Amino acid sequence: MTLPPINTAARFRRKLHAWFRVRGRDLPWRRTRDPYRILVSELMLQQTQVSRVMDYYARFLERFPTVHDVARARPGRVREAWAGLGYYARARNLHALARQVTDRGRAEVAAFPTTPEELRELPGVGAYTAGAVASFAFERRAALVDTNVARVLSRVFAPTLNPKSARDQRQLWAIAEHILPRTGRATWTHNQSLMELGALVCTARVARCSECPVRAVCASAQPTTTDVRRSRTPARRTAHRG
């Protein structure tokens, strides 16, 4: 596998981050570094559209303002607050996780891990979610690849890769790691930007190349590859955040 040249990756980041600072949506989970609130948003956004999550997110946090409140609640109350979002394993996992990081609600301070490797040990936390919480809550230099990010990375850097393939997914994770900025703070912007580009511009249904801030460095924007990439529609993103 050939990774993008360093200068290409740097140019990609500059264009992408500049676009995000102007076009990025003002989403409530982008205004916090609280790992609990970020985790709630990531779990809700699995299999659910951002527009639908907004109201549920606010109502859930009003009922359970802290991870301790979730840990001390009965499982049925947590599932009840999740009603309407579906995929109730997410609520069960959140309750189990809350009890684990708070010693069943008894700990004064929640013991959230801060690295992707440690976060993956928590109930219901996969590779994507671990990277998201590490990056967005703790500003760790952590990669993340969901369906939106996989689509962007494949179209820009590796048009022959199929994001649906497990083998190609591993290569896309390697690309994601390779193009990370040097610092955790810059990585927060970088990861948010990647997801935003996939959600708003480089979508599964339409690749809006004329609106794309990274078109100049995108392999799929070239005449020989654009039609190929547009004809392949990857699976819907399972989360604004695995």
C-alpha atoms as a PDB file:
ATOM      1  CA  MET A   1       0.000   0.000   0.000  1.00  0.00           C
ATOM      2  CA  THR A   2       1.270   3.472  -0.910  1.00  0.00           C
ATOM      3  CA  LEU A   3       0.600   6.208   1.621  1.00  0.00           C
ATOM      4  CA  PRO A   4       0.067   9.825   0.510  1.00  0.00           C
ATOM      5  CA  PRO A   5       3.247  11.925   0.234  1.00  0.00           C
ATOM      6  CA  ILE A   6       3.816  14.179   3.235  1.00  0.00           C
ATOM      7  CA  ASN A   7       3.405  17.365   1.196  1.00  0.00           C
ATOM      8  CA  THR A   8       0.109  16.112  -0.277  1.00  0.00           C
ATOM      9  CA  ALA A   9      -1.218  15.243   3.184  1.00  0.00           C
ATOM     10  CA  ALA A  10      -0.207  18.676   4.487  1.00  0.00           C
ATOM     11  CA  ARG A  11      -1.920  20.439   1.590  1.00  0.00           C
ATOM     12  CA  PHE A  12      -5.040  18.343   2.129  1.00  0.00           C
ATOM     13  CA  ARG A  13      -5.131  19.287   5.816  1.00  0.00           C
ATOM     14  CA  ARG A  14      -4.698  23.006   5.167  1.00  0.00           C
ATOM     15  CA  LYS A  15      -7.525  23.152   2.667  1.00  0.00           C
ATOM     16  CA  LEU A  16      -9.816  20.934   4.722  1.00  0.00           C
ATOM     17  CA  HIS A  17      -9.312  22.762   8.014  1.00  0.00           C
ATOM     18  CA  ALA A  18      -9.773  26.195   6.435  1.00  0.00           C
ATOM     19  CA  TRP A  19     -13.070  25.039   4.931  1.00  0.00           C
ATOM     20  CA  PHE A  20     -14.290  23.614   8.257  1.00  0.00           C
ATOM     21  CA  ARG A  21     -13.611  26.812  10.150  1.00  0.00           C
ATOM     22  CA  VAL A  22     -16.029  28.573   7.801  1.00  0.00           C
ATOM     23  CA  ARG A  23     -18.534  25.814   6.958  1.00  0.00           C
ATOM     24  CA  GLY A  24     -18.565  23.534  10.006  1.00  0.00           C
ATOM     25  CA  ARG A  25     -21.936  23.189  11.702  1.00  0.00           C
ATOM     26  CA  ASP A  26     -22.471  24.413  15.248  1.00  0.00           C
ATOM     27  CA  LEU A  27     -23.373  21.092  16.889  1.00  0.00           C
ATOM     28  CA  PRO A  28     -23.805  20.904  20.681  1.00  0.00           C
ATOM     29  CA  TRP A  29     -21.282  18.087  21.144  1.00  0.00           C
ATOM     30  CA  ARG A  30     -18.667  20.255  19.452  1.00  0.00           C
ATOM     31  CA  ARG A  31     -18.950  22.796  22.267  1.00  0.00           C
ATOM     32  CA  THR A  32     -17.772  20.457  25.018  1.00  0.00           C
ATOM     33  CA  ARG A  33     -14.777  18.372  26.026  1.00  0.00           C
ATOM     34  CA  ASP A  34     -16.795  16.375  28.571  1.00  0.00           C
ATOM     35  CA  PRO A  35     -16.115  12.704  27.718  1.00  0.00           C
ATOM     36  CA  TYR A  36     -19.566  11.660  28.940  1.00  0.00           C
ATOM     37  CA  ARG A  37     -21.429  14.135  26.732  1.00  0.00           C
ATOM     38  CA  ILE A  38     -19.248  13.326  23.754  1.00  0.00           C
ATOM     39  CA  LEU A  39     -19.784   9.605  24.321  1.00  0.00           C
ATOM     40  CA  VAL A  40     -23.562  10.082  24.478  1.00  0.00           C
ATOM     41  CA  SER A  41     -23.479  11.929  21.166  1.00  0.00           C
ATOM     42  CA  GLU A  42     -21.303   9.278  19.543  1.00  0.00           C
ATOM     43  CA  LEU A  43     -23.561   6.440  20.670  1.00  0.00           C
ATOM     44  CA  MET A  44     -26.701   8.257  19.574  1.00  0.00           C
ATOM     45  CA  LEU A  45     -25.243   9.041  16.171  1.00  0.00           C
ATOM     46  CA  GLN A  46     -24.667   5.382  15.430  1.00  0.00           C
ATOM     47  CA  GLN A  47     -27.368   4.396  12.922  1.00  0.00           C
ATOM     48  CA  THR A  48     -29.157   7.750  13.446  1.00  0.00           C
ATOM     49  CA  GLN A  49     -29.104  11.002  11.454  1.00  0.00           C
ATOM     50  CA  VAL A  50     -27.668  14.141  13.063  1.00  0.00           C
ATOM     51  CA  SER A  51     -30.906  16.104  12.653  1.00  0.00           C
ATOM     52  CA  ARG A  52     -32.844  13.452  14.563  1.00  0.00           C
ATOM     53  CA  VAL A  53     -30.277  13.165  17.345  1.00  0.00           C
ATOM     54  CA  MET A  54     -30.294  16.862  18.255  1.00  0.00           C
ATOM     55  CA  ASP A  55     -33.524  16.837  20.294  1.00  0.00           C
ATOM     56  CA  TYR A  56     -32.880  13.422  21.828  1.00  0.00           C
ATOM     57  CA  TYR A  57     -29.410  14.510  22.911  1.00  0.00           C
ATOM     58  CA  ALA A  58     -30.706  17.585  24.737  1.00  0.00           C
ATOM     59  CA  ARG A  59     -33.542  15.686  26.436  1.00  0.00           C
ATOM     60  CA  PHE A  60     -31.312  12.811  27.501  1.00  0.00           C
ATOM     61  CA  LEU A  61     -28.738  15.140  29.063  1.00  0.00           C
ATOM     62  CA  GLU A  62     -31.469  17.071  30.840  1.00  0.00           C
ATOM     63  CA  ARG A  63     -32.579  13.807  32.447  1.00  0.00           C
ATOM     64  CA  PHE A  64     -29.055  12.450  33.009  1.00  0.00           C
ATOM     65  CA  PRO A  65     -26.692  15.460  33.273  1.00  0.00           C
ATOM     66  CA  THR A  66     -23.656  13.393  34.324  1.00  0.00           C
ATOM     67  CA  VAL A  67     -22.308   9.901  33.878  1.00  0.00           C
ATOM     68  CA  HIS A  68     -22.953   9.366  37.600  1.00  0.00           C
ATOM     69  CA  ASP A  69     -26.658   9.966  37.017  1.00  0.00           C
ATOM     70  CA  VAL A  70     -26.681   7.202  34.407  1.00  0.00           C
ATOM     71  CA  ALA A  71     -24.734   4.846  36.689  1.00  0.00           C
ATOM     72  CA  ARG A  72     -27.147   5.339  39.584  1.00  0.00           C
ATOM     73  CA  ALA A  73     -30.279   4.958  37.446  1.00  0.00           C
ATOM     74  CA  ARG A  74     -32.080   1.711  36.890  1.00  0.00           C
ATOM     75  CA  PRO A  75     -31.401   0.230  33.447  1.00  0.00           C
ATOM     76  CA  GLY A  76     -35.074   0.598  32.527  1.00  0.00           C
ATOM     77  CA  ARG A  77     -34.982   4.350  33.097  1.00  0.00           C
ATOM     78  CA  VAL A  78     -32.001   4.725  30.769  1.00  0.00           C
ATOM     79  CA  ARG A  79     -33.732   2.667  28.073  1.00  0.00           C
ATOM     80  CA  GLU A  80     -36.887   4.701  28.569  1.00  0.00           C
ATOM     81  CA  ALA A  81     -34.958   7.943  27.968  1.00  0.00           C
ATOM     82  CA  TRP A  82     -33.548   6.345  24.816  1.00  0.00           C
ATOM     83  CA  ALA A  83     -37.015   5.459  23.511  1.00  0.00           C
ATOM     84  CA  GLY A  84     -37.509   6.385  19.876  1.00  0.00           C
ATOM     85  CA  LEU A  85     -33.852   6.171  18.885  1.00  0.00           C
ATOM     86  CA  GLY A  86     -33.887   2.401  18.505  1.00  0.00           C
ATOM     87  CA  TYR A  87     -30.865   0.076  18.706  1.00  0.00           C
ATOM     88  CA  TYR A  88     -31.347  -0.226  22.458  1.00  0.00           C
ATOM     89  CA  ALA A  89     -28.079  -2.096  22.944  1.00  0.00           C
ATOM     90  CA  ARG A  90     -26.548   1.380  22.844  1.00  0.00           C
ATOM     91  CA  ALA A  91     -28.480   2.369  25.981  1.00  0.00           C
ATOM     92  CA  ARG A  92     -27.578  -0.887  27.747  1.00  0.00           C
ATOM     93  CA  ASN A  93     -23.922  -0.396  26.902  1.00  0.00           C
ATOM     94  CA  LEU A  94     -23.985   3.200  28.106  1.00  0.00           C
ATOM     95  CA  HIS A  95     -25.442   2.131  31.446  1.00  0.00           C
ATOM     96  CA  ALA A  96     -22.864  -0.645  31.864  1.00  0.00           C
ATOM     97  CA  LEU A  97     -20.061   1.717  30.898  1.00  0.00           C
ATOM     98  CA  ALA A  98     -21.257   4.392  33.317  1.00  0.00           C
ATOM     99  CA  ARG A  99     -21.265   1.919  36.190  1.00  0.00           C
ATOM    100  CA  GLN A 100     -17.777   0.766  35.267  1.00  0.00           C
ATOM    101  CA  VAL A 101     -16.125   4.200  35.120  1.00  0.00           C
ATOM    102  CA  THR A 102     -17.848   5.444  38.310  1.00  0.00           C
ATOM    103  CA  ASP A 103     -17.579   2.316  40.468  1.00  0.00           C
ATOM    104  CA  ARG A 104     -21.366   1.893  40.222  1.00  0.00           C
ATOM    105  CA  GLY A 105     -21.900   5.586  40.844  1.00  0.00           C
ATOM    106  CA  ARG A 106     -19.863   5.678  44.052  1.00  0.00           C
ATOM    107  CA  ALA A 107     -16.674   7.271  42.730  1.00  0.00           C
ATOM    108  CA  GLU A 108     -16.388  11.013  43.180  1.00  0.00           C
ATOM    109  CA  VAL A 109     -14.760  11.436  39.773  1.00  0.00           C
ATOM    110  CA  ALA A 110     -15.441   9.228  36.745  1.00  0.00           C
ATOM    111  CA  ALA A 111     -12.394   7.255  35.650  1.00  0.00           C
ATOM    112  CA  PHE A 112     -12.654   7.701  31.892  1.00  0.00           C
ATOM    113  CA  PRO A 113      -9.691   6.262  29.994  1.00  0.00           C
ATOM    114  CA  THR A 114      -8.013   8.760  27.700  1.00  0.00           C
ATOM    115  CA  THR A 115      -6.405   6.594  25.005  1.00  0.00           C
ATOM    116  CA  PRO A 116      -8.142   4.716  22.184  1.00  0.00           C
ATOM    117  CA  GLU A 117      -6.647   1.419  23.364  1.00  0.00           C
ATOM    118  CA  GLU A 118      -8.032   1.814  26.892  1.00  0.00           C
ATOM    119  CA  LEU A 119     -11.361   3.189  25.724  1.00  0.00           C
ATOM    120  CA  ARG A 120     -11.923   0.087  23.588  1.00  0.00           C
ATOM    121  CA  GLU A 121     -12.043  -1.959  26.798  1.00  0.00           C
ATOM    122  CA  LEU A 122     -15.303  -0.245  27.781  1.00  0.00           C
ATOM    123  CA  PRO A 123     -18.709  -1.816  26.968  1.00  0.00           C
ATOM    124  CA  GLY A 124     -19.979  -0.972  23.496  1.00  0.00           C
ATOM    125  CA  VAL A 125     -16.919   1.043  22.449  1.00  0.00           C
ATOM    126  CA  GLY A 126     -15.412   0.071  19.110  1.00  0.00           C
ATOM    127  CA  ALA A 127     -12.450   1.438  17.192  1.00  0.00           C
ATOM    128  CA  TYR A 128     -14.260   4.469  15.779  1.00  0.00           C
ATOM    129  CA  THR A 129     -15.918   5.502  19.060  1.00  0.00           C
ATOM    130  CA  ALA A 130     -12.654   5.058  20.958  1.00  0.00           C
ATOM    131  CA  GLY A 131     -10.858   7.327  18.504  1.00  0.00           C
ATOM    132  CA  ALA A 132     -13.652   9.884  18.611  1.00  0.00           C
ATOM    133  CA  VAL A 133     -13.756  10.136  22.423  1.00  0.00           C
ATOM    134  CA  ALA A 134      -9.957  10.231  22.681  1.00  0.00           C
ATOM    135  CA  SER A 135      -9.779  12.977  20.058  1.00  0.00           C
ATOM    136  CA  PHE A 136     -12.823  15.075  20.920  1.00  0.00           C
ATOM    137  CA  ALA A 137     -12.773  14.816  24.731  1.00  0.00           C
ATOM    138  CA  PHE A 138      -9.073  14.514  25.485  1.00  0.00           C
ATOM    139  CA  GLU A 139      -7.554  16.060  22.342  1.00  0.00           C
ATOM    140  CA  ARG A 140      -5.432  12.984  21.745  1.00  0.00           C
ATOM    141  CA  ARG A 141      -3.707  12.492  18.428  1.00  0.00           C
ATOM    142  CA  ALA A 142      -6.046   9.645  17.472  1.00  0.00           C
ATOM    143  CA  ALA A 143      -7.355   8.548  14.099  1.00  0.00           C
ATOM    144  CA  LEU A 144     -10.968   7.612  13.478  1.00  0.00           C
ATOM    145  CA  VAL A 145     -12.692   6.058  10.498  1.00  0.00           C
ATOM    146  CA  ASP A 146     -16.461   5.860  10.162  1.00  0.00           C
ATOM    147  CA  THR A 147     -18.374   5.451   6.906  1.00  0.00           C
ATOM    148  CA  ASN A 148     -18.128   9.148   6.025  1.00  0.00           C
ATOM    149  CA  VAL A 149     -14.401   9.299   6.716  1.00  0.00           C
ATOM    150  CA  ALA A 150     -13.746   6.039   4.844  1.00  0.00           C
ATOM    151  CA  ARG A 151     -15.552   7.440   1.810  1.00  0.00           C
ATOM    152  CA  VAL A 152     -13.571  10.696   1.854  1.00  0.00           C
ATOM    153  CA  LEU A 153     -10.201   8.988   2.339  1.00  0.00           C
ATOM    154  CA  SER A 154     -10.821   6.433  -0.392  1.00  0.00           C
ATOM    155  CA  ARG A 155     -12.011   9.019  -2.922  1.00  0.00           C
ATOM    156  CA  VAL A 156      -9.200  11.461  -2.189  1.00  0.00           C
ATOM    157  CA  PHE A 157      -6.219   9.161  -1.718  1.00  0.00           C
ATOM    158  CA  ALA A 158      -7.075   5.637  -2.876  1.00  0.00           C
ATOM    159  CA  PRO A 159      -9.881   5.401  -5.472  1.00  0.00           C
ATOM    160  CA  THR A 160      -9.302   1.686  -6.022  1.00  0.00           C
ATOM    161  CA  LEU A 161     -10.079   0.811  -2.395  1.00  0.00           C
ATOM    162  CA  ASN A 162     -13.558  -0.383  -1.431  1.00  0.00           C
ATOM    163  CA  PRO A 163     -14.622   0.977   1.989  1.00  0.00           C
ATOM    164  CA  LYS A 164     -16.937  -2.021   2.393  1.00  0.00           C
ATOM    165  CA  SER A 165     -14.006  -4.448   2.304  1.00  0.00           C
ATOM    166  CA  ALA A 166     -12.423  -5.396   5.647  1.00  0.00           C
ATOM    167  CA  ARG A 167      -8.977  -5.559   4.041  1.00  0.00           C
ATOM    168  CA  ASP A 168      -9.387  -2.139   2.444  1.00  0.00           C
ATOM    169  CA  GLN A 169     -10.752  -0.753   5.703  1.00  0.00           C
ATOM    170  CA  ARG A 170      -7.422  -1.590   7.337  1.00  0.00           C
ATOM    171  CA  GLN A 171      -5.644   0.357   4.629  1.00  0.00           C
ATOM    172  CA  LEU A 172      -7.958   3.319   5.136  1.00  0.00           C
ATOM    173  CA  TRP A 173      -7.170   3.305   8.859  1.00  0.00           C
ATOM    174  CA  ALA A 174      -3.479   3.380   7.935  1.00  0.00           C
ATOM    175  CA  ILE A 175      -4.094   6.397   5.699  1.00  0.00           C
ATOM    176  CA  ALA A 176      -6.075   8.100   8.476  1.00  0.00           C
ATOM    177  CA  GLU A 177      -3.159   7.601  10.879  1.00  0.00           C
ATOM    178  CA  HIS A 178      -0.650   8.803   8.303  1.00  0.00           C
ATOM    179  CA  ILE A 179      -2.362  12.132   7.572  1.00  0.00           C
ATOM    180  CA  LEU A 180      -2.987  13.147  11.200  1.00  0.00           C
ATOM    181  CA  PRO A 181      -1.677  16.561  12.280  1.00  0.00           C
ATOM    182  CA  ARG A 182       1.196  16.656  14.743  1.00  0.00           C
ATOM    183  CA  THR A 183      -0.782  17.798  17.775  1.00  0.00           C
ATOM    184  CA  GLY A 184      -3.899  16.592  19.536  1.00  0.00           C
ATOM    185  CA  ARG A 185      -5.512  20.014  19.413  1.00  0.00           C
ATOM    186  CA  ALA A 186      -5.124  20.175  15.636  1.00  0.00           C
ATOM    187  CA  THR A 187      -6.387  16.600  15.430  1.00  0.00           C
ATOM    188  CA  TRP A 188      -9.700  17.693  16.990  1.00  0.00           C
ATOM    189  CA  THR A 189     -10.257  20.053  14.059  1.00  0.00           C
ATOM    190  CA  HIS A 190      -8.922  17.530  11.558  1.00  0.00           C
ATOM    191  CA  ASN A 191     -11.259  14.708  12.576  1.00  0.00           C
ATOM    192  CA  GLN A 192     -14.288  16.964  12.809  1.00  0.00           C
ATOM    193  CA  SER A 193     -13.440  18.342   9.362  1.00  0.00           C
ATOM    194  CA  LEU A 194     -13.163  14.911   7.772  1.00  0.00           C
ATOM    195  CA  MET A 195     -16.556  13.855   9.089  1.00  0.00           C
ATOM    196  CA  GLU A 196     -18.146  17.145   8.073  1.00  0.00           C
ATOM    197  CA  LEU A 197     -16.827  16.907   4.529  1.00  0.00           C
ATOM    198  CA  GLY A 198     -18.282  13.405   4.188  1.00  0.00           C
ATOM    199  CA  ALA A 199     -21.610  14.499   5.629  1.00  0.00           C
ATOM    200  CA  LEU A 200     -22.091  17.692   3.621  1.00  0.00           C
ATOM    201  CA  VAL A 201     -20.051  17.540   0.411  1.00  0.00           C
ATOM    202  CA  CYS A 202     -18.462  14.181  -0.362  1.00  0.00           C
ATOM    203  CA  THR A 203     -21.671  12.267   0.292  1.00  0.00           C
ATOM    204  CA  ALA A 204     -22.602   8.696  -0.536  1.00  0.00           C
ATOM    205  CA  ARG A 205     -25.254   9.729  -3.069  1.00  0.00           C
ATOM    206  CA  VAL A 206     -23.426  12.629  -4.719  1.00  0.00           C
ATOM    207  CA  ALA A 207     -19.794  13.691  -4.790  1.00  0.00           C
ATOM    208  CA  ARG A 208     -20.168  17.481  -5.005  1.00  0.00           C
ATOM    209  CA  CYS A 209     -16.726  18.003  -6.513  1.00  0.00           C
ATOM    210  CA  SER A 210     -17.425  21.577  -7.598  1.00  0.00           C
ATOM    211  CA  GLU A 211     -17.977  22.503  -3.915  1.00  0.00           C
ATOM    212  CA  CYS A 212     -15.150  20.435  -2.474  1.00  0.00           C
ATOM    213  CA  PRO A 213     -12.320  22.294  -0.712  1.00  0.00           C
ATOM    214  CA  VAL A 214      -9.825  19.477  -1.359  1.00  0.00           C
ATOM    215  CA  ARG A 215     -10.590  18.940  -5.034  1.00  0.00           C
ATOM    216  CA  ALA A 216      -7.099  20.044  -6.067  1.00  0.00           C
ATOM    217  CA  VAL A 217      -5.531  17.091  -4.225  1.00  0.00           C
ATOM    218  CA  CYS A 218      -8.323  14.557  -4.782  1.00  0.00           C
ATOM    219  CA  ALA A 219      -7.531  11.578  -7.012  1.00  0.00           C
ATOM    220  CA  SER A 220     -11.232  11.031  -7.725  1.00  0.00           C
ATOM    221  CA  ALA A 221     -11.689  14.573  -8.996  1.00  0.00           C
ATOM    222  CA  GLN A 222      -9.540  13.702 -11.985  1.00  0.00           C
ATOM    223  CA  PRO A 223     -11.413  12.829 -15.225  1.00  0.00           C
ATOM    224  CA  THR A 224     -10.139   9.244 -15.267  1.00  0.00           C
ATOM    225  CA  THR A 225     -11.454   8.376 -11.816  1.00  0.00           C
ATOM    226  CA  THR A 226     -14.391  10.642 -10.972  1.00  0.00           C
ATOM    227  CA  ASP A 227     -17.030   8.588 -12.768  1.00  0.00           C
ATOM    228  CA  VAL A 228     -15.752   5.371 -11.176  1.00  0.00           C
ATOM    229  CA  ARG A 229     -15.938   6.747  -7.669  1.00  0.00           C
ATOM    230  CA  ARG A 230     -19.400   8.235  -8.159  1.00  0.00           C
ATOM    231  CA  SER A 231     -20.755   4.901  -9.336  1.00  0.00           C
ATOM    232  CA  ARG A 232     -19.680   3.129  -6.155  1.00  0.00           C
ATOM    233  CA  THR A 233     -21.925   3.952  -3.223  1.00  0.00           C
ATOM    234  CA  PRO A 234     -20.471   2.840   0.125  1.00  0.00           C
ATOM    235  CA  ALA A 235     -22.745   1.767   2.971  1.00  0.00           C
ATOM    236  CA  ARG A 236     -24.430   4.498   4.966  1.00  0.00           C
ATOM    237  CA  ARG A 237     -22.360   5.871   7.777  1.00  0.00           C
ATOM    238  CA  THR A 238     -23.278   4.105  10.987  1.00  0.00           C
ATOM    239  CA  ALA A 239     -22.504   7.084  13.081  1.00  0.00           C
ATOM    240  CA  HIS A 240     -21.676  10.804  12.853  1.00  0.00           C
ATOM    241  CA  ARG A 241     -19.696   8.564  14.709  1.00  0.00           C
ATOM    242  CA  GLY A 242     -18.063   1.814  16.080  1.00  0.00           C
END
